[in-house]
Amino acid sequence: MKPTATSAGEVVDEAELLRRARAARNRAYAPYSGFHVGAAVLTDDGRVYEAANVENAAYPLSACAEQNAIRAMACSGSISEVVAVAVVGDGEDPCTPCGACRQVIFEFGPAAMIYASGDGGRPLVVRLAELLPHGFGAKRLAEGQR
């Protein structure tokens, strides 16, 4: 895999980003589904935010790893551009972000690279635009306010 460069010029190895997502997966709280997901979000200033999914008995209140990592970024006071997101889930197949996560990633990184992995094989490497074509964001809201 090729390294991802941030606007600060720092280069982050995708393998390291996936390693951090895999480590975050170990902290998942998934007593209902048993499906553990970890995410690592790289921002343009070179910071990495890690999180895991957190389930709730009231299922709609559960939170995905990707959204938790982006919320950690926002809550840290660092509203940065997301340049890459690594997602690691249980099972052999790559774990791609769900639709809601794709929209949350789009808010902070419409050009982000996504590195989706499971426990087997090579990760799926795609641009967010391939997973969320024609994403809805601030630009579209501004166009509607003319």
Protein backbone atom coordinates (compact mmCIF):
# COMPACT_ATOMS: atom_id res chain seq x y z
CA MET A 1 0.00 0.00 0.00
CA LYS A 2 1.11 3.55 -0.68
CA PRO A 3 1.52 6.03 2.15
CA THR A 4 -1.00 8.85 2.55
CA ALA A 5 0.39 12.38 2.85
CA THR A 6 -1.26 15.00 5.04
CA SER A 7 -1.33 18.73 4.31
CA ALA A 8 1.33 19.06 7.01
CA GLY A 9 3.56 16.88 4.84
CA GLU A 10 3.51 13.97 7.27
CA VAL A 11 3.27 10.58 5.61
CA VAL A 12 1.20 7.89 7.29
CA ASP A 13 1.47 4.29 6.24
CA GLU A 14 -1.94 2.72 5.57
CA ALA A 15 -0.73 -0.50 7.19
CA GLU A 16 -0.18 1.47 10.40
CA LEU A 17 -3.63 3.04 10.11
CA LEU A 18 -5.17 -0.42 9.69
CA ARG A 19 -3.13 -1.70 12.65
CA ARG A 20 -4.54 1.08 14.82
CA ALA A 21 -8.10 0.33 13.64
CA ARG A 22 -7.57 -3.34 14.42
CA ALA A 23 -6.36 -2.41 17.93
CA ALA A 24 -9.41 -0.17 18.41
CA ARG A 25 -11.66 -3.08 17.40
CA ASN A 26 -10.48 -4.88 20.53
CA ARG A 27 -12.20 -2.16 22.58
CA ALA A 28 -15.62 -2.58 20.91
CA TYR A 29 -18.71 -3.05 23.04
CA ALA A 30 -20.86 -5.42 20.97
CA PRO A 31 -22.79 -7.72 23.32
CA TYR A 32 -25.84 -7.93 21.03
CA SER A 33 -24.49 -8.39 17.52
CA GLY A 34 -21.11 -9.81 18.50
CA PHE A 35 -19.71 -7.83 15.52
CA HIS A 36 -16.68 -5.80 16.60
CA VAL A 37 -15.51 -2.85 14.50
CA GLY A 38 -12.58 -0.50 14.98
CA ALA A 39 -11.75 2.66 13.07
CA ALA A 40 -8.77 4.98 12.79
CA VAL A 41 -9.27 8.41 11.24
CA LEU A 42 -6.31 10.35 9.86
CA THR A 43 -6.66 14.13 9.58
CA ASP A 44 -4.79 16.60 7.42
CA ASP A 45 -2.77 17.79 10.41
CA GLY A 46 -1.40 14.27 10.93
CA ARG A 47 -3.48 13.32 13.96
CA VAL A 48 -5.11 9.90 14.22
CA TYR A 49 -8.32 9.32 16.15
CA GLU A 50 -9.30 5.75 17.05
CA ALA A 51 -12.63 4.37 18.21
CA ALA A 52 -14.77 1.24 18.28
CA ASN A 53 -18.45 0.52 17.87
CA VAL A 54 -20.60 0.80 21.00
CA GLU A 55 -23.93 -1.01 21.06
CA ASN A 56 -26.96 -0.32 23.19
CA ALA A 57 -29.94 -2.50 24.14
CA ALA A 58 -32.05 0.19 22.45
CA TYR A 59 -30.50 -0.60 19.05
CA PRO A 60 -30.95 2.83 17.39
CA LEU A 61 -28.75 4.32 20.11
CA SER A 62 -25.76 2.22 19.05
CA ALA A 63 -22.83 4.08 17.50
CA CYS A 64 -20.45 3.01 14.74
CA ALA A 65 -16.68 3.08 15.15
CA GLU A 66 -16.15 5.55 12.29
CA GLN A 67 -18.64 8.04 13.71
CA ASN A 68 -17.17 7.67 17.20
CA ALA A 69 -13.67 8.41 15.86
CA ILE A 70 -14.87 11.50 13.98
CA ARG A 71 -16.79 12.69 17.03
CA ALA A 72 -13.62 12.25 19.10
CA MET A 73 -11.84 14.47 16.58
CA ALA A 74 -14.54 17.14 16.76
CA CYS A 75 -14.77 16.96 20.57
CA SER A 76 -11.01 17.40 20.85
CA GLY A 77 -11.44 20.85 19.35
CA SER A 78 -9.64 19.82 16.18
CA ILE A 79 -12.05 20.28 13.30
CA SER A 80 -9.70 19.03 10.63
CA GLU A 81 -10.14 17.56 7.19
CA VAL A 82 -10.29 13.77 7.23
CA VAL A 83 -7.85 12.40 4.65
CA ALA A 84 -8.15 8.67 5.38
CA VAL A 85 -10.28 6.25 7.36
CA ALA A 86 -9.32 2.67 8.17
CA VAL A 87 -12.14 0.33 9.20
CA VAL A 88 -11.60 -3.21 10.48
CA GLY A 89 -14.46 -5.57 11.28
CA ASP A 90 -14.87 -9.17 12.30
CA GLY A 91 -14.87 -11.81 9.58
CA GLU A 92 -12.89 -12.40 6.42
CA ASP A 93 -14.43 -9.76 4.13
CA PRO A 94 -13.55 -6.05 4.16
CA CYS A 95 -15.78 -4.04 6.48
CA THR A 96 -16.86 -0.92 4.61
CA PRO A 97 -18.52 2.03 6.36
CA CYS A 98 -22.32 1.88 6.50
CA GLY A 99 -24.36 4.54 4.69
CA ALA A 100 -24.66 6.79 7.74
CA CYS A 101 -20.89 6.59 8.35
CA ARG A 102 -20.22 7.44 4.71
CA GLN A 103 -22.26 10.62 5.13
CA VAL A 104 -20.46 11.56 8.38
CA ILE A 105 -17.06 10.98 6.74
CA PHE A 106 -18.21 13.12 3.77
CA GLU A 107 -18.90 16.04 6.12
CA PHE A 108 -15.25 16.18 7.17
CA GLY A 109 -13.43 14.53 4.27
CA PRO A 110 -15.25 14.32 0.94
CA ALA A 111 -12.02 13.23 -0.78
CA ALA A 112 -10.98 10.75 1.95
CA MET A 113 -9.38 7.41 1.19
CA ILE A 114 -11.10 4.42 2.78
CA TYR A 115 -9.14 1.34 3.83
CA ALA A 116 -11.63 -1.42 4.67
CA SER A 117 -10.44 -4.70 6.09
CA GLY A 118 -11.49 -7.84 7.88
CA ASP A 119 -9.38 -10.67 9.16
CA GLY A 120 -8.43 -12.08 5.77
CA GLY A 121 -6.91 -10.99 2.51
CA ARG A 122 -5.95 -7.57 1.30
CA PRO A 123 -7.90 -4.51 2.36
CA LEU A 124 -10.29 -2.80 -0.01
CA VAL A 125 -8.84 0.62 -0.87
CA VAL A 126 -11.27 3.15 -2.38
CA ARG A 127 -12.04 6.85 -2.38
CA LEU A 128 -15.12 7.82 -0.38
CA ALA A 129 -16.67 9.12 -3.62
CA GLU A 130 -16.76 5.53 -4.89
CA LEU A 131 -18.77 4.48 -1.84
CA LEU A 132 -20.91 7.64 -1.71
CA PRO A 133 -21.31 9.12 -5.19
CA HIS A 134 -23.01 12.52 -5.24
CA GLY A 135 -22.65 12.97 -1.47
CA PHE A 136 -24.77 15.61 0.26
CA GLY A 137 -22.80 18.34 2.00
CA ALA A 138 -22.46 22.00 2.86
CA LYS A 139 -22.05 23.01 -0.78
CA ARG A 140 -25.43 21.50 -1.65
CA LEU A 141 -27.07 23.28 1.29
CA ALA A 142 -25.59 26.59 0.14
CA GLU A 143 -26.93 26.05 -3.37
CA GLY A 144 -30.42 25.57 -1.95
CA GLN A 145 -30.26 28.88 -0.08
CA ARG A 146 -29.95 31.08 -3.14
